[in-house]
Amino acid sequence: MQEGFTLWFTGLSGAGKTTVSEMTARALRERGLAVEVLDGDVVRTNICKGLGFSKEDRDENIRRVGYICHWLTEAKGVAAIAAFISPYSEIRAELRARIGRFVEVFVDCPLEVLIERDAKGLYKKALAGKIQNFTGVNDPYEPPLKPEVHLHTDRESPEESAMRVLAKLERLGFVPRRAA
């Protein structure tokens, strides 16, 4: 059985967390690893339905996901991949301490670029006051100070970002190096 780990993608809405995490998951599966992906939008509508967007509810959402990741990592030896805005550094630190084999990936993209991209129209609504507690606009985001991987999705392709994550996992010894 493989030794599990949790790969935690954090960043603002639209930064590329889902895209890069799915590409990374696909590459890990190609290497024969057992992988489970937990995505913010999917979890919110299923596991954490009923939670709002207050700081307390956001923390509870992340704690629940962290519990699942910990269980997958420890009990099942799975590469658990979580893609969540997870705006608060304190809760991310709590998860890191609980899980142990935890790799934080900061999916960084400037707010101006995200507002330009705005595929879902959420930034436009938040800036117009139609969405309250929108992270990065009218609610805080605390960027990681020392993530294991710091991606810049405004300057690199999703493929380049996924390759950087994989390279870090190789250096950490969490995944086997790809045969040349």
N, C-alpha and C. Protein backbone atom coordinates (compact mmCIF):
# COMPACT_ATOMS: atom_id res chain seq x y z
N MET A 1 0.85 -1.18 0.00
CA MET A 1 0.00 0.00 0.00
C MET A 1 0.89 1.24 0.00
N GLN A 2 0.52 2.23 -0.80
CA GLN A 2 1.27 3.49 -0.84
C GLN A 2 1.08 4.26 0.45
N GLU A 3 2.02 5.14 0.74
CA GLU A 3 1.87 6.02 1.89
C GLU A 3 1.11 7.25 1.42
N GLY A 4 0.06 7.60 2.13
CA GLY A 4 -0.79 8.69 1.70
C GLY A 4 -0.22 10.06 2.02
N PHE A 5 -0.79 11.04 1.40
CA PHE A 5 -0.47 12.44 1.66
C PHE A 5 -1.65 13.28 1.22
N THR A 6 -1.70 14.52 1.71
CA THR A 6 -2.73 15.47 1.30
C THR A 6 -2.08 16.61 0.55
N LEU A 7 -2.65 16.90 -0.59
CA LEU A 7 -2.21 18.00 -1.44
C LEU A 7 -3.32 19.03 -1.38
N TRP A 8 -3.03 20.20 -0.75
CA TRP A 8 -4.06 21.21 -0.49
C TRP A 8 -3.85 22.42 -1.38
N PHE A 9 -4.76 22.61 -2.35
CA PHE A 9 -4.72 23.76 -3.25
C PHE A 9 -5.56 24.88 -2.65
N THR A 10 -4.97 26.06 -2.47
CA THR A 10 -5.66 27.22 -1.94
C THR A 10 -5.42 28.41 -2.86
N GLY A 11 -6.40 29.28 -2.95
CA GLY A 11 -6.29 30.47 -3.79
C GLY A 11 -7.66 31.05 -4.03
N LEU A 12 -7.70 32.21 -4.62
CA LEU A 12 -8.96 32.89 -4.88
C LEU A 12 -9.80 32.16 -5.93
N SER A 13 -11.07 32.47 -5.96
CA SER A 13 -11.99 31.91 -6.94
C SER A 13 -11.50 32.23 -8.35
N GLY A 14 -11.44 31.21 -9.19
CA GLY A 14 -11.04 31.41 -10.58
C GLY A 14 -9.55 31.37 -10.82
N ALA A 15 -8.75 31.14 -9.78
CA ALA A 15 -7.28 31.14 -9.93
C ALA A 15 -6.76 29.91 -10.66
N GLY A 16 -7.55 28.82 -10.68
CA GLY A 16 -7.11 27.61 -11.37
C GLY A 16 -6.94 26.40 -10.48
N LYS A 17 -7.45 26.46 -9.27
CA LYS A 17 -7.30 25.35 -8.33
C LYS A 17 -7.87 24.05 -8.88
N THR A 18 -9.09 24.09 -9.37
CA THR A 18 -9.73 22.87 -9.88
C THR A 18 -8.99 22.33 -11.10
N THR A 19 -8.67 23.20 -12.03
CA THR A 19 -7.99 22.76 -13.25
C THR A 19 -6.66 22.11 -12.94
N VAL A 20 -5.83 22.77 -12.15
CA VAL A 20 -4.49 22.23 -11.84
C VAL A 20 -4.60 20.99 -10.97
N SER A 21 -5.52 20.98 -10.02
CA SER A 21 -5.65 19.79 -9.16
C SER A 21 -6.11 18.58 -9.96
N GLU A 22 -7.02 18.77 -10.90
CA GLU A 22 -7.47 17.65 -11.74
C GLU A 22 -6.34 17.13 -12.64
N MET A 23 -5.55 18.03 -13.19
CA MET A 23 -4.41 17.61 -14.02
C MET A 23 -3.39 16.85 -13.17
N THR A 24 -3.15 17.33 -11.97
CA THR A 24 -2.22 16.67 -11.06
C THR A 24 -2.75 15.29 -10.69
N ALA A 25 -4.03 15.18 -10.40
CA ALA A 25 -4.64 13.90 -10.05
C ALA A 25 -4.49 12.90 -11.19
N ARG A 26 -4.74 13.36 -12.40
CA ARG A 26 -4.62 12.48 -13.58
C ARG A 26 -3.18 11.96 -13.70
N ALA A 27 -2.20 12.83 -13.52
CA ALA A 27 -0.80 12.42 -13.63
C ALA A 27 -0.42 11.45 -12.51
N LEU A 28 -0.95 11.66 -11.31
CA LEU A 28 -0.67 10.73 -10.21
C LEU A 28 -1.29 9.36 -10.47
N ARG A 29 -2.50 9.35 -11.01
CA ARG A 29 -3.15 8.07 -11.34
C ARG A 29 -2.36 7.34 -12.42
N GLU A 30 -1.82 8.08 -13.39
CA GLU A 30 -1.00 7.46 -14.43
C GLU A 30 0.25 6.80 -13.85
N ARG A 31 0.69 7.27 -12.70
CA ARG A 31 1.85 6.69 -12.01
C ARG A 31 1.44 5.56 -11.07
N GLY A 32 0.16 5.23 -11.07
CA GLY A 32 -0.32 4.10 -10.28
C GLY A 32 -0.75 4.42 -8.86
N LEU A 33 -0.89 5.69 -8.52
CA LEU A 33 -1.29 6.05 -7.17
C LEU A 33 -2.81 6.07 -7.04
N ALA A 34 -3.28 5.73 -5.85
CA ALA A 34 -4.70 5.89 -5.53
C ALA A 34 -4.91 7.35 -5.17
N VAL A 35 -5.87 7.99 -5.81
CA VAL A 35 -6.09 9.43 -5.65
C VAL A 35 -7.58 9.70 -5.46
N GLU A 36 -7.89 10.63 -4.55
CA GLU A 36 -9.25 11.14 -4.39
C GLU A 36 -9.18 12.66 -4.43
N VAL A 37 -10.06 13.27 -5.20
CA VAL A 37 -10.10 14.72 -5.33
C VAL A 37 -11.37 15.25 -4.66
N LEU A 38 -11.19 16.23 -3.79
CA LEU A 38 -12.30 16.92 -3.14
C LEU A 38 -12.26 18.37 -3.63
N ASP A 39 -13.31 18.79 -4.32
CA ASP A 39 -13.36 20.13 -4.89
C ASP A 39 -14.38 20.97 -4.15
N GLY A 40 -14.06 22.23 -3.95
CA GLY A 40 -14.90 23.14 -3.17
C GLY A 40 -16.34 23.19 -3.60
N ASP A 41 -16.60 23.35 -4.89
CA ASP A 41 -17.97 23.46 -5.37
C ASP A 41 -18.77 22.19 -5.11
N VAL A 42 -18.15 21.03 -5.33
CA VAL A 42 -18.83 19.74 -5.15
C VAL A 42 -19.11 19.49 -3.67
N VAL A 43 -18.11 19.72 -2.82
CA VAL A 43 -18.27 19.48 -1.39
C VAL A 43 -19.33 20.40 -0.79
N ARG A 44 -19.33 21.65 -1.20
CA ARG A 44 -20.30 22.62 -0.65
C ARG A 44 -21.73 22.17 -0.89
N THR A 45 -22.00 21.56 -2.04
CA THR A 45 -23.38 21.17 -2.35
C THR A 45 -23.75 19.79 -1.80
N ASN A 46 -22.78 19.04 -1.30
CA ASN A 46 -23.06 17.69 -0.81
C ASN A 46 -22.73 17.51 0.67
N ILE A 47 -21.47 17.59 1.02
CA ILE A 47 -21.03 17.30 2.38
C ILE A 47 -21.29 18.47 3.33
N CYS A 48 -21.17 19.67 2.83
CA CYS A 48 -21.28 20.85 3.70
C CYS A 48 -22.49 21.71 3.38
N LYS A 49 -23.50 21.10 2.81
CA LYS A 49 -24.73 21.82 2.50
C LYS A 49 -25.29 22.44 3.78
N GLY A 50 -25.75 23.65 3.68
CA GLY A 50 -26.33 24.32 4.84
C GLY A 50 -25.37 25.28 5.52
N LEU A 51 -24.08 25.15 5.24
CA LEU A 51 -23.12 26.09 5.81
C LEU A 51 -23.14 27.37 4.98
N GLY A 52 -23.02 28.48 5.66
CA GLY A 52 -22.99 29.77 4.97
C GLY A 52 -21.56 30.20 4.68
N PHE A 53 -21.35 31.51 4.64
CA PHE A 53 -20.03 32.03 4.29
C PHE A 53 -19.45 32.92 5.37
N SER A 54 -19.95 32.77 6.60
CA SER A 54 -19.32 33.47 7.72
C SER A 54 -17.96 32.82 7.97
N LYS A 55 -17.11 33.47 8.74
CA LYS A 55 -15.81 32.88 9.04
C LYS A 55 -15.99 31.53 9.73
N GLU A 56 -16.92 31.45 10.66
CA GLU A 56 -17.15 30.20 11.39
C GLU A 56 -17.60 29.08 10.45
N ASP A 57 -18.51 29.39 9.53
CA ASP A 57 -18.99 28.37 8.59
C ASP A 57 -17.89 27.97 7.61
N ARG A 58 -17.10 28.93 7.15
CA ARG A 58 -15.99 28.60 6.25
C ARG A 58 -14.99 27.70 6.96
N ASP A 59 -14.68 28.03 8.22
CA ASP A 59 -13.75 27.19 8.98
C ASP A 59 -14.31 25.78 9.15
N GLU A 60 -15.59 25.67 9.45
CA GLU A 60 -16.22 24.35 9.62
C GLU A 60 -16.18 23.56 8.31
N ASN A 61 -16.43 24.23 7.20
CA ASN A 61 -16.35 23.59 5.89
C ASN A 61 -14.96 23.00 5.68
N ILE A 62 -13.94 23.78 5.96
CA ILE A 62 -12.56 23.33 5.76
C ILE A 62 -12.18 22.25 6.77
N ARG A 63 -12.65 22.36 7.99
CA ARG A 63 -12.38 21.30 8.98
C ARG A 63 -12.96 19.96 8.53
N ARG A 64 -14.18 19.99 8.00
CA ARG A 64 -14.80 18.74 7.53
C ARG A 64 -14.00 18.12 6.39
N VAL A 65 -13.59 18.95 5.47
CA VAL A 65 -12.78 18.45 4.36
C VAL A 65 -11.44 17.95 4.88
N GLY A 66 -10.86 18.69 5.82
CA GLY A 66 -9.60 18.26 6.42
C GLY A 66 -9.72 16.91 7.10
N TYR A 67 -10.83 16.67 7.77
CA TYR A 67 -11.06 15.37 8.40
C TYR A 67 -11.07 14.26 7.35
N ILE A 68 -11.76 14.49 6.25
CA ILE A 68 -11.82 13.49 5.18
C ILE A 68 -10.43 13.26 4.61
N CYS A 69 -9.69 14.33 4.35
CA CYS A 69 -8.33 14.20 3.82
C CYS A 69 -7.44 13.43 4.79
N HIS A 70 -7.54 13.74 6.08
CA HIS A 70 -6.75 13.04 7.09
C HIS A 70 -7.06 11.54 7.08
N TRP A 71 -8.33 11.22 7.04
CA TRP A 71 -8.75 9.82 7.02
C TRP A 71 -8.22 9.12 5.76
N LEU A 72 -8.38 9.75 4.60
CA LEU A 72 -7.88 9.15 3.36
C LEU A 72 -6.37 8.96 3.40
N THR A 73 -5.67 9.96 3.92
CA THR A 73 -4.20 9.93 3.99
C THR A 73 -3.71 8.86 4.95
N GLU A 74 -4.25 8.87 6.16
CA GLU A 74 -3.77 7.97 7.21
C GLU A 74 -4.31 6.55 7.10
N ALA A 75 -5.60 6.41 6.97
CA ALA A 75 -6.22 5.09 7.03
C ALA A 75 -6.18 4.35 5.70
N LYS A 76 -6.22 5.08 4.62
CA LYS A 76 -6.34 4.44 3.31
C LYS A 76 -5.10 4.56 2.43
N GLY A 77 -4.12 5.37 2.84
CA GLY A 77 -2.91 5.51 2.04
C GLY A 77 -3.15 6.17 0.70
N VAL A 78 -4.09 7.09 0.67
CA VAL A 78 -4.50 7.73 -0.59
C VAL A 78 -3.84 9.09 -0.72
N ALA A 79 -3.61 9.50 -1.96
CA ALA A 79 -3.22 10.88 -2.24
C ALA A 79 -4.52 11.67 -2.27
N ALA A 80 -4.80 12.39 -1.19
CA ALA A 80 -6.02 13.19 -1.09
C ALA A 80 -5.71 14.58 -1.62
N ILE A 81 -6.48 15.01 -2.61
CA ILE A 81 -6.28 16.32 -3.20
C ILE A 81 -7.50 17.18 -2.90
N ALA A 82 -7.26 18.33 -2.26
CA ALA A 82 -8.33 19.25 -1.91
C ALA A 82 -8.10 20.57 -2.65
N ALA A 83 -9.15 21.07 -3.29
CA ALA A 83 -9.09 22.35 -4.01
C ALA A 83 -10.15 23.27 -3.43
N PHE A 84 -9.72 24.15 -2.53
CA PHE A 84 -10.64 25.02 -1.78
C PHE A 84 -10.02 26.41 -1.63
N ILE A 85 -10.86 27.43 -1.68
CA ILE A 85 -10.36 28.77 -1.45
C ILE A 85 -9.64 28.80 -0.10
N SER A 86 -10.24 28.22 0.92
CA SER A 86 -9.68 28.16 2.28
C SER A 86 -8.93 29.43 2.64
N PRO A 87 -9.68 30.53 2.86
CA PRO A 87 -9.06 31.85 2.96
C PRO A 87 -8.26 32.14 4.22
N TYR A 88 -8.41 31.35 5.26
CA TYR A 88 -7.79 31.71 6.54
C TYR A 88 -6.58 30.84 6.87
N SER A 89 -5.47 31.49 7.16
CA SER A 89 -4.22 30.78 7.41
C SER A 89 -4.28 29.91 8.66
N GLU A 90 -5.02 30.34 9.68
CA GLU A 90 -5.08 29.59 10.92
C GLU A 90 -5.67 28.19 10.72
N ILE A 91 -6.73 28.10 9.95
CA ILE A 91 -7.36 26.79 9.73
C ILE A 91 -6.48 25.90 8.85
N ARG A 92 -5.77 26.51 7.88
CA ARG A 92 -4.84 25.72 7.06
C ARG A 92 -3.71 25.17 7.93
N ALA A 93 -3.22 25.98 8.88
CA ALA A 93 -2.17 25.51 9.80
C ALA A 93 -2.69 24.38 10.69
N GLU A 94 -3.94 24.50 11.10
CA GLU A 94 -4.56 23.44 11.91
C GLU A 94 -4.59 22.12 11.14
N LEU A 95 -4.97 22.19 9.87
CA LEU A 95 -5.01 20.98 9.04
C LEU A 95 -3.61 20.40 8.85
N ARG A 96 -2.64 21.27 8.59
CA ARG A 96 -1.26 20.81 8.41
C ARG A 96 -0.79 20.03 9.64
N ALA A 97 -1.07 20.57 10.83
CA ALA A 97 -0.65 19.91 12.07
C ALA A 97 -1.36 18.57 12.25
N ARG A 98 -2.64 18.50 11.90
CA ARG A 98 -3.41 17.27 12.08
C ARG A 98 -2.99 16.20 11.07
N ILE A 99 -2.83 16.59 9.82
CA ILE A 99 -2.60 15.62 8.75
C ILE A 99 -1.15 15.16 8.70
N GLY A 100 -0.22 16.05 8.89
CA GLY A 100 1.19 15.66 8.86
C GLY A 100 1.77 15.67 7.46
N ARG A 101 1.44 14.69 6.66
CA ARG A 101 1.94 14.62 5.28
C ARG A 101 1.05 15.53 4.42
N PHE A 102 1.34 16.81 4.51
CA PHE A 102 0.49 17.87 3.98
C PHE A 102 1.34 18.77 3.10
N VAL A 103 0.90 18.96 1.87
CA VAL A 103 1.61 19.83 0.92
C VAL A 103 0.65 20.94 0.51
N GLU A 104 1.02 22.17 0.86
CA GLU A 104 0.18 23.32 0.53
C GLU A 104 0.63 23.90 -0.81
N VAL A 105 -0.36 24.09 -1.69
CA VAL A 105 -0.11 24.67 -3.02
C VAL A 105 -0.90 25.97 -3.11
N PHE A 106 -0.18 27.07 -3.22
CA PHE A 106 -0.82 28.37 -3.35
C PHE A 106 -0.99 28.67 -4.83
N VAL A 107 -2.25 28.67 -5.26
CA VAL A 107 -2.59 28.97 -6.65
C VAL A 107 -2.85 30.47 -6.71
N ASP A 108 -1.82 31.19 -7.09
CA ASP A 108 -1.80 32.65 -7.01
C ASP A 108 -2.10 33.27 -8.36
N CYS A 109 -3.00 34.21 -8.35
CA CYS A 109 -3.34 34.97 -9.56
C CYS A 109 -3.81 36.35 -9.09
N PRO A 110 -3.27 37.42 -9.67
CA PRO A 110 -3.68 38.75 -9.23
C PRO A 110 -5.19 38.99 -9.40
N LEU A 111 -5.75 39.72 -8.45
CA LEU A 111 -7.18 40.00 -8.47
C LEU A 111 -7.60 40.65 -9.79
N GLU A 112 -6.78 41.54 -10.32
CA GLU A 112 -7.13 42.22 -11.59
C GLU A 112 -7.32 41.21 -12.72
N VAL A 113 -6.48 40.19 -12.75
CA VAL A 113 -6.58 39.15 -13.78
C VAL A 113 -7.83 38.32 -13.56
N LEU A 114 -8.12 37.99 -12.31
CA LEU A 114 -9.31 37.20 -12.01
C LEU A 114 -10.58 37.97 -12.38
N ILE A 115 -10.57 39.27 -12.14
CA ILE A 115 -11.73 40.10 -12.51
C ILE A 115 -11.89 40.11 -14.02
N GLU A 116 -10.79 40.16 -14.76
CA GLU A 116 -10.85 40.11 -16.23
C GLU A 116 -11.38 38.77 -16.72
N ARG A 117 -10.88 37.67 -16.14
CA ARG A 117 -11.30 36.32 -16.55
C ARG A 117 -12.78 36.11 -16.22
N ASP A 118 -13.12 36.24 -14.96
CA ASP A 118 -14.47 36.15 -14.39
C ASP A 118 -15.42 35.24 -15.17
N ALA A 119 -15.02 34.01 -15.38
CA ALA A 119 -15.80 33.06 -16.18
C ALA A 119 -17.23 32.86 -15.65
N LYS A 120 -17.40 32.90 -14.33
CA LYS A 120 -18.73 32.67 -13.73
C LYS A 120 -19.47 33.97 -13.45
N GLY A 121 -18.84 35.11 -13.69
CA GLY A 121 -19.48 36.40 -13.42
C GLY A 121 -19.58 36.74 -11.95
N LEU A 122 -18.85 36.02 -11.10
CA LEU A 122 -18.94 36.23 -9.66
C LEU A 122 -18.28 37.52 -9.20
N TYR A 123 -17.14 37.85 -9.79
CA TYR A 123 -16.46 39.08 -9.39
C TYR A 123 -17.29 40.30 -9.75
N LYS A 124 -17.90 40.27 -10.91
CA LYS A 124 -18.75 41.39 -11.34
C LYS A 124 -19.88 41.59 -10.33
N LYS A 125 -20.51 40.48 -9.93
CA LYS A 125 -21.61 40.56 -8.95
C LYS A 125 -21.10 41.05 -7.59
N ALA A 126 -19.95 40.55 -7.16
CA ALA A 126 -19.40 40.95 -5.87
C ALA A 126 -19.03 42.43 -5.87
N LEU A 127 -18.41 42.88 -6.94
CA LEU A 127 -18.03 44.29 -7.05
C LEU A 127 -19.25 45.21 -7.10
N ALA A 128 -20.36 44.69 -7.62
CA ALA A 128 -21.60 45.48 -7.69
C ALA A 128 -22.41 45.38 -6.38
N GLY A 129 -21.89 44.62 -5.41
CA GLY A 129 -22.58 44.49 -4.14
C GLY A 129 -23.68 43.44 -4.12
N LYS A 130 -23.77 42.63 -5.17
CA LYS A 130 -24.81 41.60 -5.24
C LYS A 130 -24.42 40.31 -4.53
N ILE A 131 -23.13 40.13 -4.26
CA ILE A 131 -22.66 38.99 -3.48
C ILE A 131 -21.87 39.54 -2.30
N GLN A 132 -22.28 39.16 -1.10
CA GLN A 132 -21.57 39.57 0.11
C GLN A 132 -20.59 38.46 0.50
N ASN A 133 -19.61 38.82 1.31
CA ASN A 133 -18.63 37.86 1.81
C ASN A 133 -17.92 37.11 0.68
N PHE A 134 -17.62 37.81 -0.40
CA PHE A 134 -16.91 37.18 -1.51
C PHE A 134 -15.41 37.35 -1.30
N THR A 135 -14.72 36.25 -1.13
CA THR A 135 -13.30 36.27 -0.80
C THR A 135 -12.50 37.02 -1.85
N GLY A 136 -11.69 37.95 -1.37
CA GLY A 136 -10.83 38.73 -2.24
C GLY A 136 -11.43 40.06 -2.64
N VAL A 137 -12.76 40.20 -2.51
CA VAL A 137 -13.43 41.45 -2.86
C VAL A 137 -13.93 42.13 -1.60
N ASN A 138 -14.87 41.49 -0.90
CA ASN A 138 -15.40 42.08 0.32
C ASN A 138 -15.27 41.14 1.53
N ASP A 139 -14.35 40.19 1.41
CA ASP A 139 -14.00 39.30 2.50
C ASP A 139 -12.52 38.97 2.33
N PRO A 140 -11.78 38.80 3.44
CA PRO A 140 -10.33 38.64 3.31
C PRO A 140 -9.88 37.28 2.78
N TYR A 141 -8.68 37.30 2.20
CA TYR A 141 -7.96 36.07 1.86
C TYR A 141 -6.56 36.24 2.42
N GLU A 142 -6.13 35.28 3.23
CA GLU A 142 -4.80 35.32 3.83
C GLU A 142 -3.91 34.36 3.06
N PRO A 143 -3.06 34.89 2.18
CA PRO A 143 -2.21 34.01 1.38
C PRO A 143 -1.23 33.23 2.25
N PRO A 144 -0.90 32.02 1.85
CA PRO A 144 0.09 31.25 2.61
C PRO A 144 1.44 31.97 2.61
N LEU A 145 2.12 31.93 3.74
CA LEU A 145 3.43 32.58 3.84
C LEU A 145 4.55 31.66 3.35
N LYS A 146 4.39 30.35 3.56
CA LYS A 146 5.44 29.40 3.16
C LYS A 146 4.82 28.14 2.56
N PRO A 147 4.12 28.28 1.43
CA PRO A 147 3.57 27.06 0.81
C PRO A 147 4.71 26.22 0.23
N GLU A 148 4.49 24.93 0.14
CA GLU A 148 5.50 24.08 -0.50
C GLU A 148 5.63 24.41 -1.99
N VAL A 149 4.49 24.80 -2.59
CA VAL A 149 4.50 25.16 -4.02
C VAL A 149 3.72 26.46 -4.17
N HIS A 150 4.31 27.42 -4.88
CA HIS A 150 3.66 28.70 -5.14
C HIS A 150 3.53 28.84 -6.65
N LEU A 151 2.30 28.64 -7.14
CA LEU A 151 2.03 28.74 -8.57
C LEU A 151 1.61 30.16 -8.93
N HIS A 152 1.92 30.57 -10.14
CA HIS A 152 1.52 31.88 -10.66
C HIS A 152 0.73 31.64 -11.94
N THR A 153 -0.57 31.42 -11.79
CA THR A 153 -1.38 31.00 -12.93
C THR A 153 -1.66 32.10 -13.94
N ASP A 154 -1.25 33.30 -13.65
CA ASP A 154 -1.33 34.36 -14.65
C ASP A 154 -0.13 34.32 -15.59
N ARG A 155 0.93 33.60 -15.19
CA ARG A 155 2.17 33.56 -15.98
C ARG A 155 2.55 32.17 -16.47
N GLU A 156 1.85 31.14 -16.01
CA GLU A 156 2.19 29.77 -16.43
C GLU A 156 0.91 29.03 -16.81
N SER A 157 1.07 28.09 -17.71
CA SER A 157 -0.09 27.32 -18.17
C SER A 157 -0.50 26.32 -17.08
N PRO A 158 -1.72 25.81 -17.15
CA PRO A 158 -2.12 24.77 -16.19
C PRO A 158 -1.18 23.56 -16.24
N GLU A 159 -0.71 23.21 -17.43
CA GLU A 159 0.21 22.07 -17.57
C GLU A 159 1.52 22.35 -16.83
N GLU A 160 2.05 23.57 -16.99
CA GLU A 160 3.28 23.93 -16.29
C GLU A 160 3.08 23.91 -14.78
N SER A 161 1.94 24.41 -14.34
CA SER A 161 1.64 24.41 -12.91
C SER A 161 1.58 22.98 -12.37
N ALA A 162 0.88 22.10 -13.06
CA ALA A 162 0.76 20.70 -12.62
C ALA A 162 2.14 20.03 -12.58
N MET A 163 2.97 20.31 -13.56
CA MET A 163 4.32 19.74 -13.58
C MET A 163 5.16 20.23 -12.40
N ARG A 164 4.97 21.48 -12.01
CA ARG A 164 5.70 22.01 -10.85
C ARG A 164 5.25 21.31 -9.56
N VAL A 165 3.95 21.04 -9.46
CA VAL A 165 3.44 20.32 -8.28
C VAL A 165 4.03 18.92 -8.25
N LEU A 166 3.99 18.24 -9.38
CA LEU A 166 4.54 16.87 -9.44
C LEU A 166 6.02 16.84 -9.11
N ALA A 167 6.77 17.81 -9.62
CA ALA A 167 8.21 17.87 -9.34
C ALA A 167 8.46 18.03 -7.83
N LYS A 168 7.65 18.83 -7.16
CA LYS A 168 7.80 19.01 -5.72
C LYS A 168 7.47 17.71 -4.98
N LEU A 169 6.41 17.03 -5.41
CA LEU A 169 6.05 15.76 -4.78
C LEU A 169 7.17 14.73 -4.95
N GLU A 170 7.82 14.74 -6.10
CA GLU A 170 8.97 13.85 -6.32
C GLU A 170 10.11 14.21 -5.37
N ARG A 171 10.44 15.50 -5.27
CA ARG A 171 11.53 15.93 -4.39
C ARG A 171 11.25 15.57 -2.93
N LEU A 172 9.99 15.63 -2.53
CA LEU A 172 9.62 15.27 -1.17
C LEU A 172 9.61 13.76 -0.94
N GLY A 173 9.68 13.00 -2.01
CA GLY A 173 9.64 11.54 -1.92
C GLY A 173 8.23 10.99 -1.75
N PHE A 174 7.22 11.80 -2.05
CA PHE A 174 5.83 11.37 -1.90
C PHE A 174 5.36 10.57 -3.11
N VAL A 175 5.98 10.78 -4.25
CA VAL A 175 5.65 10.02 -5.46
C VAL A 175 6.94 9.58 -6.13
N PRO A 176 6.89 8.44 -6.81
CA PRO A 176 8.09 7.99 -7.51
C PRO A 176 8.43 8.93 -8.68
N ARG A 177 9.71 9.05 -8.91
CA ARG A 177 10.15 9.86 -10.06
C ARG A 177 9.73 9.16 -11.34
N ARG A 178 9.36 9.95 -12.30
CA ARG A 178 8.94 9.42 -13.61
C ARG A 178 10.16 8.86 -14.33
N ALA A 179 10.03 7.68 -14.90
CA ALA A 179 11.15 7.08 -15.65
C ALA A 179 11.46 7.93 -16.87
N ALA A 180 12.74 8.11 -17.13
CA ALA A 180 13.16 8.96 -18.28
C ALA A 180 13.01 8.25 -19.60
